[in-house]
N, C-alpha and C. Protein backbone atom coordinates (compact mmCIF):
# COMPACT_ATOMS: atom_id res chain seq x y z
N MET A 1 38.20 76.80 154.49
CA MET A 1 38.25 77.54 155.32
C MET A 1 36.76 76.25 156.27
N PHE A 2 37.47 76.55 157.99
CA PHE A 2 36.33 76.32 159.29
C PHE A 2 36.23 77.24 159.72
N VAL A 3 35.15 76.69 160.96
CA VAL A 3 35.45 77.63 161.55
C VAL A 3 35.72 77.04 163.24
N ALA A 4 36.04 77.55 163.96
CA ALA A 4 36.02 77.21 165.56
C ALA A 4 36.04 77.06 166.60
N ARG A 5 35.31 77.04 168.01
CA ARG A 5 35.19 78.73 169.41
C ARG A 5 35.96 78.37 169.77
N ALA A 6 36.85 78.89 170.46
CA ALA A 6 38.00 78.92 171.68
C ALA A 6 37.64 79.42 172.44
N VAL A 7 38.11 78.57 173.58
CA VAL A 7 37.91 77.44 174.38
C VAL A 7 38.05 78.55 175.60
N GLY A 8 39.91 79.02 175.41
CA GLY A 8 41.19 78.63 176.77
C GLY A 8 41.47 80.90 176.76
N TRP A 9 42.34 81.20 177.76
CA TRP A 9 42.54 82.40 177.83
C TRP A 9 44.04 82.99 177.58
N SER A 10 44.84 81.70 176.86
CA SER A 10 46.44 81.94 176.43
C SER A 10 46.36 83.04 175.48
N MET A 11 45.36 83.23 174.48
CA MET A 11 45.67 84.23 173.69
C MET A 11 45.30 85.78 173.94
N ALA A 12 44.33 86.05 174.68
CA ALA A 12 43.94 86.86 175.46
C ALA A 12 44.42 87.92 175.00
N PRO A 13 44.21 89.11 174.22
CA PRO A 13 43.99 89.65 174.43
C PRO A 13 43.35 89.16 173.21
N ILE A 14 43.61 89.13 171.90
CA ILE A 14 43.32 88.76 170.96
C ILE A 14 42.68 88.47 170.87
N ILE A 15 42.66 86.48 170.95
CA ILE A 15 41.57 85.64 171.35
C ILE A 15 40.85 85.16 172.05
N ASN A 16 39.60 85.54 173.27
CA ASN A 16 39.43 85.34 174.27
C ASN A 16 37.94 83.83 174.29
N PRO A 17 38.07 83.51 175.02
CA PRO A 17 36.59 82.13 175.23
C PRO A 17 35.49 83.32 174.55
N ASN A 18 35.27 82.00 173.56
CA ASN A 18 34.21 81.85 172.68
C ASN A 18 33.44 82.71 171.72
N ASP A 19 34.77 83.43 171.49
CA ASP A 19 35.57 83.62 169.86
C ASP A 19 35.76 82.93 168.72
N GLN A 20 35.12 83.04 168.01
CA GLN A 20 35.00 82.53 166.41
C GLN A 20 36.70 82.28 166.12
N LEU A 21 36.60 81.71 165.12
CA LEU A 21 38.28 81.61 164.67
C LEU A 21 37.77 81.08 162.99
N PHE A 22 38.53 81.38 162.44
CA PHE A 22 38.02 81.37 161.05
C PHE A 22 39.04 80.69 160.69
N ILE A 23 39.52 79.86 160.25
CA ILE A 23 41.36 79.35 159.58
C ILE A 23 41.39 79.13 158.78
N SER A 24 42.33 79.78 157.64
CA SER A 24 41.98 79.13 157.22
C SER A 24 43.16 78.26 156.57
N LYS A 25 42.74 77.10 155.46
CA LYS A 25 43.98 76.26 155.53
C LYS A 25 44.94 76.54 154.36
N VAL A 26 46.82 76.54 154.67
CA VAL A 26 47.28 76.70 153.59
C VAL A 26 48.45 75.61 154.08
N GLY A 27 49.43 76.39 153.14
CA GLY A 27 50.61 75.01 153.20
C GLY A 27 51.33 75.63 153.34
N HIS A 28 52.42 74.84 153.97
CA HIS A 28 53.28 74.85 155.55
C HIS A 28 54.69 75.41 155.38
N HIS A 29 54.75 76.23 154.23
CA HIS A 29 55.08 76.93 153.68
C HIS A 29 55.02 78.66 153.97
N ALA A 30 53.53 78.97 154.13
CA ALA A 30 53.50 79.57 153.58
C ALA A 30 53.69 80.85 155.33
N PHE A 31 53.76 80.21 156.50
CA PHE A 31 53.92 80.89 157.71
C PHE A 31 54.96 81.73 157.79
N LYS A 32 54.95 82.29 158.61
CA LYS A 32 55.42 83.39 158.99
C LYS A 32 55.74 83.53 160.09
N VAL A 33 56.33 84.54 161.24
CA VAL A 33 56.27 84.47 162.54
C VAL A 33 55.59 85.74 163.27
N GLY A 34 54.53 85.39 164.03
CA GLY A 34 53.59 86.15 164.51
C GLY A 34 52.37 85.85 164.08
N ASP A 35 52.13 85.11 162.90
CA ASP A 35 50.80 84.67 162.55
C ASP A 35 50.40 83.24 163.81
N ILE A 36 48.76 83.56 163.86
CA ILE A 36 48.69 83.12 164.44
C ILE A 36 48.14 82.03 163.37
N VAL A 37 48.73 80.19 164.33
CA VAL A 37 48.18 79.26 163.44
C VAL A 37 47.61 77.93 164.89
N VAL A 38 46.32 76.86 163.92
CA VAL A 38 46.06 76.01 164.96
C VAL A 38 46.65 75.01 164.58
N TYR A 39 47.14 74.00 165.56
CA TYR A 39 47.20 72.75 165.52
C TYR A 39 46.53 71.64 166.70
N LEU A 40 46.74 70.33 166.20
CA LEU A 40 46.29 69.68 167.20
C LEU A 40 47.61 69.20 167.97
N GLN A 41 46.81 68.87 169.48
CA GLN A 41 47.34 68.54 170.21
C GLN A 41 46.80 67.81 171.58
N ARG A 42 46.68 66.88 171.38
CA ARG A 42 46.54 65.75 172.42
C ARG A 42 45.00 65.82 172.80
N GLY A 43 44.24 66.04 171.05
CA GLY A 43 42.85 65.50 170.61
C GLY A 43 42.08 67.13 170.92
N ALA A 44 42.97 67.92 171.10
CA ALA A 44 42.42 69.61 171.38
C ALA A 44 43.56 70.40 170.16
N LEU A 45 41.70 70.90 169.81
CA LEU A 45 42.91 72.43 168.66
C LEU A 45 43.26 73.52 169.64
N ILE A 46 44.58 74.56 169.49
CA ILE A 46 45.35 74.96 170.27
C ILE A 46 45.94 76.20 169.38
N SER A 47 44.89 77.33 169.42
CA SER A 47 45.66 77.93 168.35
C SER A 47 46.46 79.03 169.10
N HIS A 48 47.68 79.23 168.87
CA HIS A 48 49.07 79.94 169.55
C HIS A 48 49.78 80.88 167.93
N ARG A 49 50.42 81.90 168.77
CA ARG A 49 51.33 82.83 168.26
C ARG A 49 52.94 81.58 167.65
N ILE A 50 53.73 82.29 166.35
CA ILE A 50 54.38 81.52 165.64
C ILE A 50 55.72 82.67 166.11
N ILE A 51 56.66 82.26 167.54
CA ILE A 51 57.44 83.53 167.89
C ILE A 51 59.08 82.69 167.01
N ARG A 52 58.69 81.45 166.49
CA ARG A 52 59.87 81.80 165.62
C ARG A 52 60.70 80.58 165.23
N ILE A 53 60.88 80.46 163.74
CA ILE A 53 60.88 79.37 163.10
C ILE A 53 62.68 79.22 162.68
N SER A 54 61.95 77.57 162.70
CA SER A 54 64.08 76.85 162.26
C SER A 54 63.22 76.05 161.77
N PHE A 55 64.69 75.28 161.99
CA PHE A 55 65.64 74.19 160.79
C PHE A 55 64.90 72.69 162.11
N HIS A 56 64.90 73.36 163.42
CA HIS A 56 64.51 72.04 164.19
C HIS A 56 62.36 72.29 163.88
N GLY A 57 62.34 73.17 163.44
CA GLY A 57 60.08 73.15 163.73
C GLY A 57 60.13 74.66 164.00
N ILE A 58 58.49 74.81 164.39
CA ILE A 58 58.60 76.23 164.68
C ILE A 58 57.84 75.98 166.54
N TYR A 59 58.10 76.95 167.13
CA TYR A 59 58.72 77.52 168.33
C TYR A 59 56.79 78.51 168.45
N LEU A 60 55.96 78.15 169.59
CA LEU A 60 55.18 78.76 169.83
C LEU A 60 54.38 79.19 170.48
N LYS A 61 53.28 79.72 171.21
CA LYS A 61 53.84 80.43 172.08
C LYS A 61 52.03 81.50 172.85
N GLY A 62 51.50 80.86 173.21
CA GLY A 62 50.35 81.97 173.38
C GLY A 62 50.48 83.31 174.11
N ASP A 63 49.72 84.30 173.71
CA ASP A 63 49.66 85.95 173.80
C ASP A 63 49.78 86.22 175.36
N ASN A 64 49.03 84.74 176.02
CA ASN A 64 49.01 85.20 177.56
C ASN A 64 49.42 84.72 178.41
N SER A 65 50.49 83.54 177.80
CA SER A 65 51.33 82.72 178.16
C SER A 65 52.58 83.00 179.40
N PHE A 66 52.86 82.56 179.28
CA PHE A 66 54.53 82.75 180.33
C PHE A 66 55.41 81.68 180.00
N GLN A 67 54.79 80.98 179.34
CA GLN A 67 55.82 79.44 178.48
C GLN A 67 55.62 79.30 177.40
N PHE A 68 56.63 78.58 176.38
CA PHE A 68 56.47 78.31 175.52
C PHE A 68 56.13 76.80 175.48
N ASP A 69 55.59 76.84 173.75
CA ASP A 69 55.23 75.60 173.75
C ASP A 69 55.93 74.42 172.77
N THR A 70 55.40 73.35 172.57
CA THR A 70 56.93 71.77 172.24
C THR A 70 56.89 72.49 170.85
N VAL A 71 58.47 72.26 170.27
CA VAL A 71 58.64 72.33 169.06
C VAL A 71 57.65 71.78 167.96
N ILE A 72 57.26 71.90 167.60
CA ILE A 72 56.59 70.93 166.41
C ILE A 72 56.47 71.51 164.94
N ARG A 73 56.02 70.07 163.95
CA ARG A 73 56.61 70.50 162.83
C ARG A 73 55.23 71.19 161.98
N PRO A 74 55.89 71.64 161.08
CA PRO A 74 55.07 72.66 160.10
C PRO A 74 54.23 71.16 159.22
N GLU A 75 54.47 70.79 159.16
CA GLU A 75 53.19 69.84 158.54
C GLU A 75 51.77 68.76 159.43
N SER A 76 52.28 69.88 160.87
CA SER A 76 51.39 69.45 161.91
C SER A 76 50.30 70.36 162.29
N ILE A 77 50.50 71.78 161.49
CA ILE A 77 49.86 72.99 161.75
C ILE A 77 49.10 72.36 161.57
N LEU A 78 47.64 72.82 161.09
CA LEU A 78 46.18 73.09 160.30
C LEU A 78 45.91 73.72 159.85
N GLY A 79 46.10 75.10 160.29
CA GLY A 79 45.69 76.40 159.28
C GLY A 79 46.23 76.96 159.91
N LYS A 80 45.61 78.59 159.75
CA LYS A 80 45.98 79.97 159.69
C LYS A 80 44.79 80.89 160.28
N VAL A 81 44.82 81.68 161.44
CA VAL A 81 43.74 82.18 162.15
C VAL A 81 44.02 83.37 160.99
N VAL A 82 42.85 83.61 160.34
CA VAL A 82 42.86 84.67 160.21
C VAL A 82 41.20 86.31 160.23
N LYS A 83 40.92 85.03 161.35
CA LYS A 83 39.22 86.56 161.28
C LYS A 83 39.46 85.70 162.70
N VAL A 84 38.75 86.78 163.32
CA VAL A 84 38.67 86.76 164.59
C VAL A 84 37.39 87.84 165.13
N ARG A 85 36.32 86.50 165.27
CA ARG A 85 34.64 87.55 165.74
C ARG A 85 34.77 87.11 167.13
N GLY A 86 34.08 87.54 168.14
CA GLY A 86 33.68 87.84 169.62
C GLY A 86 33.10 89.13 170.56
N LYS A 87 34.77 89.00 171.63
CA LYS A 87 33.60 90.11 172.48
C LYS A 87 34.05 91.32 171.27
N TYR A 88 35.17 91.57 171.04
CA TYR A 88 35.78 92.95 171.10
C TYR A 88 34.97 93.22 169.17
N GLY A 89 33.93 92.76 168.17
CA GLY A 89 34.27 92.96 167.55
C GLY A 89 35.32 91.44 166.16
N CYS A 90 34.38 92.77 165.34
CA CYS A 90 35.00 91.32 164.15
C CYS A 90 35.92 91.84 163.87
N TYR A 91 37.44 91.26 163.21
CA TYR A 91 38.93 91.96 162.86
C TYR A 91 39.47 90.32 161.83
N ARG A 92 39.96 91.73 160.92
CA ARG A 92 41.05 90.18 160.12
C ARG A 92 42.73 90.29 161.04
N LEU A 93 43.06 89.28 160.57
CA LEU A 93 44.08 89.17 161.41
C LEU A 93 45.17 88.95 160.24
N THR A 94 44.80 90.08 158.93
CA THR A 94 45.91 89.59 157.57
C THR A 94 45.96 91.80 157.20
N GLY A 95 46.70 91.34 156.32
CA GLY A 95 47.91 92.71 156.48
C GLY A 95 48.34 92.88 157.70
N PHE A 96 48.92 94.81 157.87
CA PHE A 96 50.45 95.52 156.72
C PHE A 96 49.64 95.71 158.87
N LEU A 97 48.90 96.39 159.03
CA LEU A 97 48.01 96.86 160.77
C LEU A 97 48.79 95.95 161.97
N SER A 98 47.55 94.14 161.49
CA SER A 98 48.03 93.06 161.85
C SER A 98 48.89 92.77 162.16
N SER A 99 49.86 92.72 161.11
CA SER A 99 51.86 91.95 161.18
C SER A 99 52.56 92.99 162.22
N VAL A 100 52.59 94.31 162.14
CA VAL A 100 52.98 95.29 163.24
C VAL A 100 52.41 94.71 164.39
N ILE A 101 51.04 94.59 164.73
CA ILE A 101 50.81 94.10 165.91
C ILE A 101 50.81 93.04 166.12
N ALA A 102 51.64 91.62 165.76
CA ALA A 102 51.47 90.61 165.69
C ALA A 102 53.01 91.02 165.96
N TYR A 103 53.90 91.67 165.47
CA TYR A 103 55.77 91.48 166.08
C TYR A 103 54.92 92.36 167.84
N TYR A 104 54.62 93.56 168.22
CA TYR A 104 54.68 93.99 168.95
C TYR A 104 54.30 92.43 170.23
N TYR A 105 53.33 91.39 170.01
CA TYR A 105 53.11 90.55 170.75
C TYR A 105 54.30 89.25 170.66
N VAL A 106 55.18 89.22 169.82
CA VAL A 106 56.43 88.40 169.50
C VAL A 106 57.45 89.06 170.77
N ILE A 107 57.44 90.28 170.32
CA ILE A 107 58.52 91.42 170.90
C ILE A 107 58.29 91.12 172.82
N PHE A 108 57.00 90.97 172.93
CA PHE A 108 56.20 90.93 174.35
C PHE A 108 56.34 90.18 174.99
N SER A 109 55.87 89.03 174.40
CA SER A 109 56.22 87.32 175.02
C SER A 109 58.12 86.85 175.18
N VAL A 110 58.46 86.90 174.58
CA VAL A 110 59.84 86.85 174.50
C VAL A 110 60.18 87.68 175.61
N ILE A 111 60.61 89.37 176.10
CA ILE A 111 60.79 89.70 177.32
C ILE A 111 59.17 88.86 178.56
N LEU A 112 58.22 89.37 178.80
CA LEU A 112 57.96 88.21 179.62
C LEU A 112 57.89 86.24 179.55
N TYR A 113 59.01 85.95 178.66
CA TYR A 113 60.01 84.73 179.40
C TYR A 113 61.13 85.25 179.54
N ILE A 114 61.79 86.26 179.79
CA ILE A 114 63.81 86.60 179.67
C ILE A 114 62.23 87.52 181.57
N MET A 115 61.90 87.75 181.52
CA MET A 115 61.47 89.07 182.59
C MET A 115 61.04 88.04 183.59
N PRO A 116 61.02 88.39 185.04
CA PRO A 116 61.25 87.52 186.71
C PRO A 116 58.75 87.50 186.27
N TYR A 117 58.17 86.51 186.89
CA TYR A 117 56.35 86.82 186.53
C TYR A 117 55.81 88.01 187.48
N LYS A 118 56.96 88.00 188.38
CA LYS A 118 56.25 89.42 189.74
C LYS A 118 56.15 89.94 188.74
N TYR A 119 56.86 90.57 187.97
CA TYR A 119 56.43 91.80 187.37
C TYR A 119 55.29 91.65 186.15
N PHE A 120 54.61 91.26 186.45
CA PHE A 120 53.76 90.73 185.70
C PHE A 120 52.13 90.47 185.43
N LEU A 121 51.13 91.29 185.14
CA LEU A 121 50.05 90.00 185.27
C LEU A 121 49.00 89.56 184.93
N ARG A 122 48.17 88.91 184.76
CA ARG A 122 47.61 87.74 183.98
C ARG A 122 46.89 88.80 183.69
N ASN A 123 47.25 88.73 182.21
CA ASN A 123 46.08 89.56 180.96
C ASN A 123 46.91 90.60 181.42
N TYR A 124 47.44 91.45 181.31
CA TYR A 124 48.24 92.68 181.71
C TYR A 124 49.34 93.28 180.04
N TYR A 125 48.98 93.79 179.16
CA TYR A 125 49.34 94.25 178.16
C TYR A 125 49.63 95.71 178.18
N PRO A 126 50.99 96.70 178.05
CA PRO A 126 51.03 98.08 177.40
C PRO A 126 49.86 98.39 176.85
N GLY A 127 49.22 99.20 176.29
CA GLY A 127 48.44 99.41 175.13
C GLY A 127 47.55 98.93 174.61
N ARG A 128 46.51 97.63 175.19
CA ARG A 128 46.03 96.64 174.71
C ARG A 128 44.72 96.53 174.64
N ARG A 129 44.06 97.74 175.10
CA ARG A 129 43.25 98.82 174.19
C ARG A 129 43.58 98.98 172.89
N VAL A 130 44.12 100.11 172.62
CA VAL A 130 44.54 100.48 172.18
C VAL A 130 44.66 99.74 170.51
N LEU A 131 45.83 98.90 170.76
CA LEU A 131 45.51 97.24 169.73
C LEU A 131 44.83 96.52 169.47
N LEU A 132 43.81 96.49 170.09
CA LEU A 132 42.37 95.52 169.57
C LEU A 132 41.77 97.12 168.44
N PHE A 133 41.13 98.23 169.52
CA PHE A 133 41.52 99.47 168.60
C PHE A 133 41.18 99.91 167.09
N LEU A 134 43.02 99.95 167.24
CA LEU A 134 43.12 99.28 165.23
C LEU A 134 43.17 98.33 165.03
N LEU A 135 42.74 97.12 165.52
CA LEU A 135 42.35 95.90 164.63
C LEU A 135 41.52 95.95 163.95
N LYS A 136 39.67 96.55 164.24
CA LYS A 136 38.52 97.13 163.60
C LYS A 136 38.66 97.84 162.68
């Protein structure tokens, strides 16, 4: 397990800038839709959520991003974020409740991708405070 510090807003409100990410190295067959994973892109560590897994690769997207990342190979993923410590306290991203919340973000990400940009504001998620409270 290793620790990294978040820099950008692409995973807000689950992961905010300066939050500590506890990353567990797992085999590339252990990933599932909804997991937040870390991979290396142009010399920087990126942590985004898995939206889809297919034989072409893994589709990733930040919860607070309007675009999908490029499709990556499972071998390029360095690990899975299992715990976050930061602005909203310390919470684990494992277990049933975090899986339910992960699927909420997966569904919301797809809706966000389909709907026009003008209907959404930066860092706006319906019920985000409730979801973060449930993670504690």
